[in-house]
Amino acid sequence: MSETGRIIWRRQFERNPEKKHREKLLDRLRSNDARLEKLTMLRCVIAVALYCLFCGLAPASAALFALEEIAPGVYAHQGRMALMTEENKGDIANIGAVVGDDAVAVIDTGGSLVEGREFLAALRQKTDKPIRYVINTHAHPDHIFGNGAFEGDGVVFVGHEKLPRALAQRGAFYMQSFRAAMDGALDGVRIVAPTQTVSSATTLDLGGRKLLLQAWRAAHSDSDLTVLDEKSGVLFAGDLLFLRHVPIVDASLLGFLDVADRLAKIPATQVVPGHGPLVAPWPQALDAERAYLQRLTADLRAAIKKGSTVADAAQTAGQSERERWRLFDDYNARNATAGFAELEWEP
């Protein structure tokens, strides 16, 4: 009740000589004063709640983004074992960062601008050193859609020499095709191409810490790049290594097998795969993936020799591996189809 209202009620109370009416007016005045007090308290509660919501949102979001230190100065985040959706914000790939004496290198940025920003906030809780490099291990959306969160003065984006072409050819398609699955989680995403490319191998110096970047032939994709932290022995393999998540062949089945054999010679001690558990011993981590790719290849060659159609081969090849892999039904037929097209032209 306003102050003017209270004055009017008090005047009516003073002018009326009858006791009952005075008491009635007094009760009404007290009731309105009590309501005013409750309303004031409610407004205070709402104000405090809104303050906590808006002021505490960013730190809470960063706290929920798990960024694990897997070796001194080496951080990694494990993505979900799932397809990209609006609910998971495209957070399905493993991404990470390496901190040197002078600067930081980020290795992949996640599947949305939202995830990229959460990654950056979590990384800033670990170090305030400048981010000098953002390294993309290949062109797929779950690894590069977060790039925009890291754009800024002095940040160099690095990738395989074929990455700019891959992004130019597929970027618009990726944006369009993933809009249906991700809807609002795709807002703000734009394709950021590398300004420094790697044709074979190169070294990046973070100050007291060097990263060996190596470009590979077409395998998982046509722009695969690995990152070895020479100081810790941690290898970021990108999607040249899958653990528990069924491997995906987007470029060459035979190339994937060849690269897997050559990867094993890298002098790493542990590895961060593109998908699956964060850290695994090296090179034993390659065993399951190679077994799957070899089985798929053998089954496809047998189907081709028998005269099977690609549709039939896609339903049967690799099926003995089904129970060993997550998301098998989402990707195996696609892998078989791509492999069939490649192998049917073998001499």
Protein backbone atom coordinates (compact mmCIF):
# COMPACT_ATOMS: atom_id res chain seq x y z
CA MET A 1 0.00 0.00 0.00
CA SER A 2 1.36 3.44 -0.91
CA GLU A 3 2.03 6.20 1.62
CA THR A 4 -0.88 8.25 0.19
CA GLY A 5 -3.21 5.29 0.69
CA ARG A 6 -2.17 4.91 4.30
CA ILE A 7 -2.86 8.61 5.00
CA ILE A 8 -6.39 8.35 3.54
CA TRP A 9 -7.18 5.30 5.66
CA ARG A 10 -5.90 7.00 8.81
CA ARG A 11 -8.08 10.06 8.18
CA GLN A 12 -11.17 7.89 7.76
CA PHE A 13 -10.26 6.16 10.99
CA GLU A 14 -9.95 9.47 12.90
CA ARG A 15 -13.26 10.90 11.56
CA ASN A 16 -15.43 7.88 12.39
CA PRO A 17 -16.59 7.84 16.01
CA GLU A 18 -17.91 4.32 15.95
CA LYS A 19 -15.59 1.82 17.58
CA LYS A 20 -16.44 -1.15 15.39
CA HIS A 21 -15.81 0.77 12.24
CA ARG A 22 -12.55 2.13 13.65
CA GLU A 23 -11.39 -1.39 14.46
CA LYS A 24 -12.40 -2.61 11.00
CA LEU A 25 -10.46 0.19 9.37
CA LEU A 26 -7.45 -0.48 11.60
CA ASP A 27 -7.45 -4.19 10.70
CA ARG A 28 -7.65 -3.34 7.04
CA LEU A 29 -4.75 -0.92 7.36
CA ARG A 30 -2.62 -3.52 9.14
CA SER A 31 -3.49 -6.15 6.52
CA ASN A 32 -2.42 -3.87 3.68
CA ASP A 33 0.81 -2.98 5.49
CA ALA A 34 1.58 -6.71 5.85
CA ARG A 35 0.93 -7.26 2.14
CA LEU A 36 3.28 -4.39 1.29
CA GLU A 37 6.00 -5.91 3.44
CA LYS A 38 5.62 -9.34 1.76
CA LEU A 39 5.72 -7.76 -1.70
CA THR A 40 8.89 -5.87 -0.84
CA MET A 41 10.54 -9.05 0.41
CA LEU A 42 9.50 -10.92 -2.76
CA ARG A 43 11.03 -8.22 -4.93
CA CYS A 44 14.29 -8.51 -3.00
CA VAL A 45 14.35 -12.29 -3.43
CA ILE A 46 13.76 -11.98 -7.19
CA ALA A 47 16.49 -9.35 -7.52
CA VAL A 48 19.01 -11.53 -5.68
CA ALA A 49 18.07 -14.57 -7.78
CA LEU A 50 18.51 -12.67 -11.05
CA TYR A 51 21.87 -11.32 -9.88
CA CYS A 52 23.09 -14.81 -9.07
CA LEU A 53 21.82 -16.15 -12.38
CA PHE A 54 23.45 -13.58 -14.65
CA CYS A 55 26.64 -13.01 -12.67
CA GLY A 56 27.26 -16.66 -11.94
CA LEU A 57 26.38 -18.18 -15.32
CA ALA A 58 29.79 -18.00 -17.03
CA PRO A 59 31.86 -19.37 -14.14
CA ALA A 60 29.40 -22.19 -13.57
CA SER A 61 29.47 -23.10 -17.26
CA ALA A 62 33.26 -23.15 -17.24
CA ALA A 63 33.26 -25.28 -14.11
CA LEU A 64 31.01 -27.86 -15.82
CA PHE A 65 33.40 -28.13 -18.78
CA ALA A 66 35.86 -30.82 -17.67
CA LEU A 67 39.42 -29.99 -18.68
CA GLU A 68 41.79 -32.58 -17.27
CA GLU A 69 45.55 -32.19 -16.87
CA ILE A 70 46.81 -35.47 -18.32
CA ALA A 71 50.50 -34.52 -18.08
CA PRO A 72 52.24 -31.40 -16.73
CA GLY A 73 51.03 -28.53 -18.89
CA VAL A 74 48.91 -30.79 -21.13
CA TYR A 75 45.12 -30.58 -20.88
CA ALA A 76 42.36 -32.57 -22.56
CA HIS A 77 38.57 -32.69 -22.62
CA GLN A 78 36.67 -35.88 -23.43
CA GLY A 79 33.66 -35.49 -25.68
CA ARG A 80 30.52 -37.55 -25.38
CA MET A 81 30.13 -40.84 -27.23
CA ALA A 82 27.21 -39.61 -29.32
CA LEU A 83 26.08 -37.88 -32.48
CA MET A 84 26.05 -34.08 -32.55
CA THR A 85 22.79 -32.61 -31.18
CA GLU A 86 21.42 -29.35 -29.84
CA GLU A 87 21.39 -30.87 -26.35
CA ASN A 88 25.09 -31.80 -26.32
CA LYS A 89 26.12 -28.64 -28.23
CA GLY A 90 28.28 -30.73 -30.55
CA ASP A 91 30.50 -31.76 -27.66
CA ILE A 92 31.43 -35.21 -28.98
CA ALA A 93 35.15 -34.95 -29.84
CA ASN A 94 38.24 -34.94 -27.65
CA ILE A 95 40.02 -31.59 -27.67
CA GLY A 96 42.96 -30.19 -25.73
CA ALA A 97 45.71 -27.66 -25.12
CA VAL A 98 49.43 -27.58 -24.40
CA VAL A 99 50.98 -24.80 -22.27
CA GLY A 100 54.59 -23.74 -22.82
CA ASP A 101 56.71 -21.18 -20.98
CA ASP A 102 55.59 -18.39 -23.32
CA ALA A 103 52.36 -19.42 -25.01
CA VAL A 104 49.54 -21.93 -25.45
CA ALA A 105 48.51 -24.15 -28.36
CA VAL A 106 44.90 -25.32 -28.60
CA ILE A 107 44.22 -28.61 -30.39
CA ASP A 108 40.74 -28.62 -31.92
CA THR A 109 37.94 -26.44 -30.55
CA GLY A 110 34.76 -28.53 -30.41
CA GLY A 111 31.45 -28.78 -32.24
CA SER A 112 29.88 -25.37 -31.63
CA LEU A 113 30.71 -21.81 -30.70
CA VAL A 114 29.10 -22.47 -27.32
CA GLU A 115 31.48 -25.36 -26.65
CA GLY A 116 34.43 -23.33 -27.91
CA ARG A 117 33.63 -20.55 -25.44
CA GLU A 118 33.24 -23.03 -22.59
CA PHE A 119 36.59 -24.56 -23.52
CA LEU A 120 38.24 -21.13 -23.56
CA ALA A 121 36.75 -20.22 -20.17
CA ALA A 122 37.94 -23.51 -18.64
CA LEU A 123 41.40 -23.04 -20.17
CA ARG A 124 41.63 -19.54 -18.73
CA GLN A 125 41.13 -21.05 -15.29
CA LYS A 126 44.29 -23.11 -15.91
CA THR A 127 46.55 -20.47 -17.48
CA ASP A 128 46.59 -16.80 -18.45
CA LYS A 129 49.37 -17.22 -21.03
CA PRO A 130 48.52 -16.03 -24.53
CA ILE A 131 47.02 -18.47 -27.00
CA ARG A 132 49.41 -18.43 -29.97
CA TYR A 133 48.15 -21.37 -32.04
CA VAL A 134 44.85 -23.13 -32.73
CA ILE A 135 45.60 -26.44 -34.45
CA ASN A 136 42.81 -28.27 -36.30
CA THR A 137 43.45 -31.99 -36.77
CA HIS A 138 41.04 -32.16 -39.74
CA ALA A 139 37.93 -30.57 -41.26
CA HIS A 140 35.04 -32.30 -39.51
CA PRO A 141 32.53 -30.06 -37.67
CA ASP A 142 32.89 -31.64 -34.23
CA HIS A 143 36.53 -30.50 -34.24
CA ILE A 144 36.34 -27.05 -35.87
CA PHE A 145 32.94 -25.44 -35.22
CA GLY A 146 34.32 -23.86 -32.01
CA ASN A 147 37.14 -22.01 -33.82
CA GLY A 148 35.40 -18.64 -33.62
CA ALA A 149 35.77 -18.56 -29.83
CA PHE A 150 39.55 -18.36 -30.22
CA GLU A 151 39.87 -15.71 -32.91
CA GLY A 152 41.92 -12.73 -31.81
CA ASP A 153 45.08 -10.72 -32.32
CA GLY A 154 48.15 -12.90 -32.59
CA VAL A 155 46.27 -16.23 -32.83
CA VAL A 156 47.45 -18.37 -35.74
CA PHE A 157 45.18 -21.14 -37.04
CA VAL A 158 47.15 -24.17 -38.23
CA GLY A 159 46.11 -27.20 -40.29
CA HIS A 160 46.95 -29.71 -43.00
CA GLU A 161 47.80 -28.18 -46.38
CA LYS A 162 44.53 -29.61 -47.74
CA LEU A 163 42.40 -28.23 -44.91
CA PRO A 164 41.62 -24.86 -46.55
CA ARG A 165 40.30 -26.61 -49.66
CA ALA A 166 38.30 -29.10 -47.60
CA LEU A 167 36.64 -26.29 -45.64
CA ALA A 168 35.95 -24.29 -48.80
CA GLN A 169 34.32 -27.30 -50.45
CA ARG A 170 32.39 -28.65 -47.46
CA GLY A 171 31.96 -25.76 -45.03
CA ALA A 172 28.61 -24.52 -46.35
CA PHE A 173 27.31 -28.09 -46.57
CA TYR A 174 28.35 -28.79 -42.98
CA MET A 175 26.58 -25.65 -41.77
CA GLN A 176 23.39 -26.54 -43.64
CA SER A 177 23.30 -30.26 -42.86
CA PHE A 178 24.01 -29.90 -39.13
CA ARG A 179 21.44 -27.14 -38.64
CA ALA A 180 18.61 -29.69 -38.48
CA ALA A 181 20.33 -31.71 -35.74
CA MET A 182 21.74 -28.80 -33.73
CA ASP A 183 19.28 -25.97 -34.36
CA GLY A 184 20.12 -23.07 -32.00
CA ALA A 185 23.38 -24.65 -30.85
CA LEU A 186 24.76 -23.81 -34.29
CA ASP A 187 24.14 -20.08 -33.85
CA GLY A 188 27.25 -17.95 -34.26
CA VAL A 189 29.31 -20.72 -35.86
CA ARG A 190 31.38 -19.75 -38.86
CA ILE A 191 34.11 -21.52 -40.76
CA VAL A 192 37.62 -20.35 -39.81
CA ALA A 193 40.32 -21.60 -42.18
CA PRO A 194 43.99 -22.01 -41.23
CA THR A 195 46.47 -19.26 -42.01
CA GLN A 196 49.45 -21.62 -41.58
CA THR A 197 49.45 -25.02 -43.25
CA VAL A 198 51.54 -28.17 -42.95
CA SER A 199 52.51 -30.21 -46.01
CA SER A 200 54.64 -32.87 -44.30
CA ALA A 201 55.94 -31.95 -40.83
CA THR A 202 56.67 -28.79 -38.87
CA THR A 203 57.54 -27.75 -35.32
CA LEU A 204 55.80 -25.11 -33.22
CA ASP A 205 57.71 -23.58 -30.28
CA LEU A 206 55.69 -22.57 -27.21
CA GLY A 207 58.76 -21.62 -25.19
CA GLY A 208 60.62 -24.50 -23.58
CA ARG A 209 58.18 -26.84 -25.28
CA LYS A 210 57.96 -27.94 -28.90
CA LEU A 211 55.08 -29.55 -30.76
CA LEU A 212 55.73 -31.78 -33.77
CA LEU A 213 52.91 -31.52 -36.31
CA GLN A 214 52.68 -34.18 -39.00
CA ALA A 215 50.41 -34.24 -42.05
CA TRP A 216 49.18 -37.58 -43.37
CA ARG A 217 47.88 -39.07 -46.61
CA ALA A 218 44.12 -39.50 -47.04
CA ALA A 219 42.87 -41.83 -44.30
CA HIS A 220 40.10 -40.92 -41.88
CA SER A 221 39.82 -37.70 -43.89
CA ASP A 222 41.88 -36.01 -46.57
CA SER A 223 43.31 -33.46 -44.12
CA ASP A 224 44.47 -35.46 -41.07
CA LEU A 225 47.12 -33.93 -38.82
CA THR A 226 48.68 -35.25 -35.59
CA VAL A 227 50.33 -33.28 -32.79
CA LEU A 228 53.12 -34.69 -30.60
CA ASP A 229 54.19 -32.83 -27.47
CA GLU A 230 57.85 -33.79 -27.38
CA LYS A 231 58.27 -32.79 -23.74
CA SER A 232 55.58 -35.05 -22.27
CA GLY A 233 55.35 -37.65 -25.01
CA VAL A 234 51.60 -37.07 -25.37
CA LEU A 235 50.27 -37.57 -28.90
CA PHE A 236 47.04 -35.92 -30.03
CA ALA A 237 46.01 -38.28 -32.81
CA GLY A 238 42.79 -36.59 -33.90
CA ASP A 239 40.45 -38.97 -35.69
CA LEU A 240 43.27 -41.18 -36.86
CA LEU A 241 42.55 -43.01 -33.62
CA PHE A 242 39.19 -44.11 -32.23
CA LEU A 243 38.76 -45.94 -28.92
CA ARG A 244 35.43 -47.70 -28.22
CA HIS A 245 33.75 -45.38 -30.77
CA VAL A 246 33.68 -47.22 -34.12
CA PRO A 247 36.28 -45.79 -36.53
CA ILE A 248 34.92 -43.62 -39.35
CA VAL A 249 36.28 -43.83 -42.89
CA ASP A 250 35.64 -40.57 -44.73
CA ALA A 251 38.52 -40.71 -47.24
CA SER A 252 40.39 -44.01 -47.74
CA LEU A 253 40.08 -47.40 -46.07
CA LEU A 254 43.45 -48.55 -47.42
CA GLY A 255 44.98 -45.20 -46.49
CA PHE A 256 43.63 -45.55 -42.95
CA LEU A 257 45.29 -48.95 -42.59
CA ASP A 258 48.58 -47.65 -43.97
CA VAL A 259 48.59 -44.58 -41.72
CA ALA A 260 47.75 -46.69 -38.66
CA ASP A 261 50.87 -48.76 -39.29
CA ARG A 262 53.02 -45.66 -39.66
CA LEU A 263 51.47 -43.96 -36.65
CA ALA A 264 52.72 -46.80 -34.47
CA LYS A 265 56.30 -45.66 -35.11
CA ILE A 266 55.78 -42.24 -33.48
CA PRO A 267 57.81 -42.12 -30.24
CA ALA A 268 54.89 -41.22 -27.98
CA THR A 269 54.22 -42.58 -24.50
CA GLN A 270 50.47 -42.02 -24.38
CA VAL A 271 47.78 -40.84 -26.77
CA VAL A 272 44.62 -38.75 -26.83
CA PRO A 273 42.28 -40.22 -29.47
CA GLY A 274 39.81 -38.15 -31.44
CA HIS A 275 36.97 -40.03 -29.75
CA GLY A 276 36.87 -42.26 -26.69
CA PRO A 277 38.73 -42.42 -23.35
CA LEU A 278 41.20 -39.57 -23.02
CA VAL A 279 44.50 -41.30 -22.48
CA ALA A 280 45.74 -44.70 -23.61
CA PRO A 281 49.14 -46.41 -23.75
CA TRP A 282 51.02 -46.15 -27.02
CA PRO A 283 51.13 -47.84 -29.51
CA GLN A 284 48.86 -50.55 -28.06
CA ALA A 285 45.94 -48.14 -28.43
CA LEU A 286 45.98 -48.79 -32.18
CA ASP A 287 45.30 -52.53 -31.91
CA ALA A 288 41.49 -52.51 -31.80
CA GLU A 289 41.16 -49.95 -34.57
CA ARG A 290 43.49 -51.85 -36.87
CA ALA A 291 41.61 -55.08 -36.19
CA TYR A 292 38.32 -53.43 -37.22
CA LEU A 293 39.75 -51.90 -40.39
CA GLN A 294 41.43 -55.18 -41.36
CA ARG A 295 38.20 -57.16 -40.79
CA LEU A 296 36.17 -54.65 -42.81
CA THR A 297 38.71 -54.79 -45.66
CA ALA A 298 38.78 -58.60 -45.73
CA ASP A 299 34.98 -58.86 -45.71
CA LEU A 300 34.62 -56.34 -48.52
CA ARG A 301 37.21 -58.07 -50.69
CA ALA A 302 35.38 -61.35 -50.17
CA ALA A 303 32.04 -59.75 -51.08
CA ILE A 304 33.48 -58.16 -54.22
CA LYS A 305 35.05 -61.46 -55.30
CA LYS A 306 31.69 -63.19 -54.81
CA GLY A 307 29.93 -60.55 -56.93
CA SER A 308 27.85 -59.00 -54.12
CA THR A 309 26.30 -55.60 -54.63
CA VAL A 310 27.47 -52.64 -52.59
CA ALA A 311 24.11 -52.61 -50.77
CA ASP A 312 24.50 -56.26 -49.73
CA ALA A 313 28.12 -55.77 -48.71
CA ALA A 314 27.22 -52.75 -46.59
CA GLN A 315 24.86 -54.92 -44.53
CA THR A 316 27.31 -57.77 -43.89
CA ALA A 317 30.89 -56.47 -43.94
CA GLY A 318 32.46 -55.94 -40.53
CA GLN A 319 29.49 -57.34 -38.62
CA SER A 320 31.67 -59.62 -36.49
CA GLU A 321 33.07 -56.43 -34.90
CA ARG A 322 29.67 -55.06 -33.92
CA GLU A 323 29.75 -55.82 -30.19
CA ARG A 324 33.17 -54.21 -29.74
CA TRP A 325 32.17 -50.69 -30.81
CA ARG A 326 29.79 -47.91 -29.81
CA LEU A 327 27.75 -46.22 -32.59
CA PHE A 328 28.47 -49.20 -34.87
CA ASP A 329 25.03 -49.08 -36.50
CA ASP A 330 25.44 -45.37 -37.22
CA TYR A 331 28.69 -45.68 -39.16
CA ASN A 332 29.65 -49.21 -40.21
CA ALA A 333 27.42 -49.41 -43.30
CA ARG A 334 28.73 -46.04 -44.41
CA ASN A 335 32.32 -47.25 -43.90
CA ALA A 336 31.56 -50.39 -45.90
CA THR A 337 30.03 -48.40 -48.74
CA ALA A 338 33.08 -46.12 -48.97
CA GLY A 339 35.45 -49.09 -48.72
CA PHE A 340 33.58 -51.05 -51.41
CA ALA A 341 33.90 -48.17 -53.87
CA GLU A 342 37.63 -48.04 -53.21
CA LEU A 343 38.37 -51.78 -53.23
CA GLU A 344 36.32 -52.81 -56.27
CA TRP A 345 38.94 -51.16 -58.49
CA GLU A 346 41.83 -53.14 -57.05
CA PRO A 347 43.72 -55.17 -59.70
